[in-house]
Amino acid sequence: MVLVGGEPGIGKSRLDGVLRERLAEEPHLVLRYQCSPYHLHSALYPFVEQFERAAGFAREDGAVTSWTR
């Protein structure tokens, strides 16, 4: 697992590109999350959204439904 963070312009995207090139021939799974100005007050929003989709939760499911699936 890799978490890359930092100020704009320090080379995060370049580092990501080099890592992807080196892993291109290796079996791997890429999960990529990015921040959004629309979800400033929910730090884990991208992860939670992906987890809910993978678990088959629907937006209209309540907490009880989500926990009992």
N, C-alpha and C. Protein backbone atom coordinates (compact mmCIF):
# COMPACT_ATOMS: atom_id res chain seq x y z
N MET A 1 0.85 -1.15 0.00
CA MET A 1 0.00 0.00 0.00
C MET A 1 0.90 1.22 0.00
N VAL A 2 0.49 2.20 -0.77
CA VAL A 2 1.26 3.43 -0.87
C VAL A 2 0.29 4.60 -0.72
N LEU A 3 0.65 5.54 0.11
CA LEU A 3 -0.09 6.79 0.25
C LEU A 3 0.89 7.90 -0.09
N VAL A 4 0.54 8.68 -1.09
CA VAL A 4 1.40 9.79 -1.51
C VAL A 4 0.63 11.08 -1.28
N GLY A 5 1.23 11.98 -0.55
CA GLY A 5 0.60 13.27 -0.30
C GLY A 5 1.66 14.35 -0.23
N GLY A 6 1.25 15.57 -0.44
CA GLY A 6 2.20 16.68 -0.35
C GLY A 6 1.70 17.89 -1.10
N GLU A 7 2.51 18.91 -1.05
CA GLU A 7 2.18 20.17 -1.71
C GLU A 7 2.18 20.00 -3.22
N PRO A 8 1.40 20.84 -3.91
CA PRO A 8 1.38 20.81 -5.37
C PRO A 8 2.77 21.07 -5.94
N GLY A 9 3.11 20.33 -6.99
CA GLY A 9 4.35 20.58 -7.71
C GLY A 9 5.58 19.86 -7.20
N ILE A 10 5.44 18.95 -6.22
CA ILE A 10 6.64 18.28 -5.71
C ILE A 10 6.94 16.96 -6.42
N GLY A 11 6.09 16.56 -7.38
CA GLY A 11 6.37 15.37 -8.16
C GLY A 11 5.56 14.14 -7.81
N LYS A 12 4.41 14.31 -7.19
CA LYS A 12 3.57 13.16 -6.83
C LYS A 12 3.11 12.41 -8.07
N SER A 13 2.65 13.12 -9.07
CA SER A 13 2.16 12.48 -10.30
C SER A 13 3.30 11.80 -11.04
N ARG A 14 4.46 12.39 -11.05
CA ARG A 14 5.63 11.78 -11.71
C ARG A 14 6.00 10.48 -11.01
N LEU A 15 6.01 10.50 -9.70
CA LEU A 15 6.30 9.30 -8.93
C LEU A 15 5.28 8.20 -9.23
N ASP A 16 4.01 8.56 -9.30
CA ASP A 16 2.95 7.62 -9.64
C ASP A 16 3.19 7.01 -11.03
N GLY A 17 3.55 7.83 -11.98
CA GLY A 17 3.81 7.35 -13.34
C GLY A 17 4.97 6.37 -13.39
N VAL A 18 6.04 6.66 -12.70
CA VAL A 18 7.21 5.77 -12.68
C VAL A 18 6.85 4.44 -12.02
N LEU A 19 6.12 4.49 -10.93
CA LEU A 19 5.70 3.26 -10.25
C LEU A 19 4.82 2.41 -11.15
N ARG A 20 3.88 3.04 -11.84
CA ARG A 20 3.01 2.30 -12.77
C ARG A 20 3.81 1.65 -13.89
N GLU A 21 4.80 2.35 -14.43
CA GLU A 21 5.64 1.78 -15.48
C GLU A 21 6.37 0.54 -14.98
N ARG A 22 6.92 0.62 -13.80
CA ARG A 22 7.69 -0.50 -13.25
C ARG A 22 6.82 -1.69 -12.90
N LEU A 23 5.57 -1.45 -12.56
CA LEU A 23 4.67 -2.53 -12.20
C LEU A 23 3.84 -3.06 -13.37
N ALA A 24 4.01 -2.48 -14.54
CA ALA A 24 3.16 -2.81 -15.69
C ALA A 24 3.11 -4.30 -15.99
N GLU A 25 4.20 -5.01 -15.86
CA GLU A 25 4.25 -6.43 -16.19
C GLU A 25 3.96 -7.33 -15.00
N GLU A 26 3.80 -6.76 -13.81
CA GLU A 26 3.55 -7.54 -12.60
C GLU A 26 2.05 -7.58 -12.31
N PRO A 27 1.55 -8.72 -11.81
CA PRO A 27 0.14 -8.74 -11.40
C PRO A 27 -0.07 -7.82 -10.19
N HIS A 28 -1.03 -6.93 -10.27
CA HIS A 28 -1.29 -6.00 -9.19
C HIS A 28 -2.68 -5.41 -9.32
N LEU A 29 -3.13 -4.77 -8.29
CA LEU A 29 -4.42 -4.10 -8.26
C LEU A 29 -4.17 -2.63 -7.94
N VAL A 30 -4.78 -1.77 -8.71
CA VAL A 30 -4.63 -0.33 -8.48
C VAL A 30 -5.95 0.23 -8.00
N LEU A 31 -5.93 0.83 -6.84
CA LEU A 31 -7.06 1.59 -6.32
C LEU A 31 -6.55 3.01 -6.16
N ARG A 32 -7.14 3.93 -6.86
CA ARG A 32 -6.65 5.31 -6.85
C ARG A 32 -7.74 6.22 -6.31
N TYR A 33 -7.40 6.98 -5.30
CA TYR A 33 -8.34 7.89 -4.67
C TYR A 33 -7.79 9.31 -4.76
N GLN A 34 -8.68 10.26 -5.01
CA GLN A 34 -8.28 11.66 -5.05
C GLN A 34 -9.24 12.48 -4.21
N CYS A 35 -8.72 13.55 -3.68
CA CYS A 35 -9.55 14.47 -2.90
C CYS A 35 -10.48 15.23 -3.84
N SER A 36 -11.56 15.73 -3.28
CA SER A 36 -12.51 16.51 -4.06
C SER A 36 -12.94 17.73 -3.26
N PRO A 37 -13.04 18.87 -3.91
CA PRO A 37 -13.50 20.06 -3.18
C PRO A 37 -14.96 19.93 -2.74
N TYR A 38 -15.69 18.95 -3.28
CA TYR A 38 -17.08 18.75 -2.91
C TYR A 38 -17.25 17.96 -1.62
N HIS A 39 -16.16 17.34 -1.14
CA HIS A 39 -16.24 16.50 0.05
C HIS A 39 -15.15 16.88 1.06
N LEU A 40 -14.99 18.16 1.30
CA LEU A 40 -13.94 18.66 2.19
C LEU A 40 -14.09 18.17 3.63
N HIS A 41 -15.30 17.91 4.06
CA HIS A 41 -15.53 17.54 5.46
C HIS A 41 -15.63 16.03 5.65
N SER A 42 -15.21 15.26 4.67
CA SER A 42 -15.26 13.80 4.76
C SER A 42 -13.95 13.24 4.21
N ALA A 43 -12.96 13.13 5.06
CA ALA A 43 -11.62 12.74 4.62
C ALA A 43 -11.58 11.36 3.97
N LEU A 44 -12.43 10.46 4.38
CA LEU A 44 -12.42 9.10 3.84
C LEU A 44 -13.46 8.87 2.75
N TYR A 45 -14.05 9.92 2.24
CA TYR A 45 -15.14 9.80 1.26
C TYR A 45 -14.79 8.88 0.08
N PRO A 46 -13.66 9.05 -0.59
CA PRO A 46 -13.39 8.17 -1.74
C PRO A 46 -13.30 6.69 -1.34
N PHE A 47 -12.67 6.41 -0.22
CA PHE A 47 -12.54 5.04 0.24
C PHE A 47 -13.90 4.45 0.62
N VAL A 48 -14.70 5.20 1.35
CA VAL A 48 -16.02 4.73 1.78
C VAL A 48 -16.91 4.47 0.56
N GLU A 49 -16.89 5.35 -0.42
CA GLU A 49 -17.67 5.16 -1.64
C GLU A 49 -17.28 3.86 -2.34
N GLN A 50 -15.99 3.61 -2.50
CA GLN A 50 -15.53 2.40 -3.17
C GLN A 50 -15.90 1.17 -2.36
N PHE A 51 -15.77 1.23 -1.06
CA PHE A 51 -16.11 0.12 -0.19
C PHE A 51 -17.60 -0.20 -0.28
N GLU A 52 -18.45 0.83 -0.27
CA GLU A 52 -19.89 0.61 -0.39
C GLU A 52 -20.26 -0.03 -1.72
N ARG A 53 -19.64 0.41 -2.80
CA ARG A 53 -19.91 -0.20 -4.11
C ARG A 53 -19.48 -1.66 -4.11
N ALA A 54 -18.29 -1.95 -3.58
CA ALA A 54 -17.78 -3.32 -3.55
C ALA A 54 -18.67 -4.23 -2.69
N ALA A 55 -19.25 -3.69 -1.62
CA ALA A 55 -20.09 -4.46 -0.72
C ALA A 55 -21.53 -4.58 -1.22
N GLY A 56 -21.87 -3.83 -2.26
CA GLY A 56 -23.21 -3.88 -2.81
C GLY A 56 -24.24 -3.06 -2.06
N PHE A 57 -23.79 -2.09 -1.28
CA PHE A 57 -24.71 -1.22 -0.57
C PHE A 57 -25.30 -0.21 -1.55
N ALA A 58 -26.55 0.12 -1.34
CA ALA A 58 -27.20 1.15 -2.15
C ALA A 58 -27.29 2.43 -1.34
N ARG A 59 -27.32 3.54 -2.00
CA ARG A 59 -27.37 4.85 -1.35
C ARG A 59 -28.57 4.94 -0.40
N GLU A 60 -29.69 4.33 -0.81
CA GLU A 60 -30.90 4.42 0.01
C GLU A 60 -30.94 3.42 1.17
N ASP A 61 -29.98 2.51 1.24
CA ASP A 61 -29.90 1.58 2.37
C ASP A 61 -29.63 2.34 3.65
N GLY A 62 -30.30 1.97 4.70
CA GLY A 62 -30.04 2.56 6.01
C GLY A 62 -28.89 1.83 6.68
N ALA A 63 -28.48 2.30 7.84
CA ALA A 63 -27.37 1.69 8.57
C ALA A 63 -27.66 0.26 8.94
N VAL A 64 -28.89 -0.02 9.35
CA VAL A 64 -29.25 -1.38 9.75
C VAL A 64 -29.16 -2.33 8.56
N THR A 65 -29.67 -1.92 7.41
CA THR A 65 -29.60 -2.75 6.22
C THR A 65 -28.16 -3.03 5.84
N SER A 66 -27.31 -2.01 5.88
CA SER A 66 -25.90 -2.16 5.53
C SER A 66 -25.20 -3.16 6.45
N TRP A 67 -25.50 -3.11 7.73
CA TRP A 67 -24.83 -3.99 8.70
C TRP A 67 -25.34 -5.42 8.61
N THR A 68 -26.56 -5.63 8.13
CA THR A 68 -27.12 -6.99 8.11
C THR A 68 -26.87 -7.70 6.79
N ARG A 69 -26.34 -7.06 5.82
CA ARG A 69 -26.06 -7.73 4.53
C ARG A 69 -24.88 -8.62 4.62
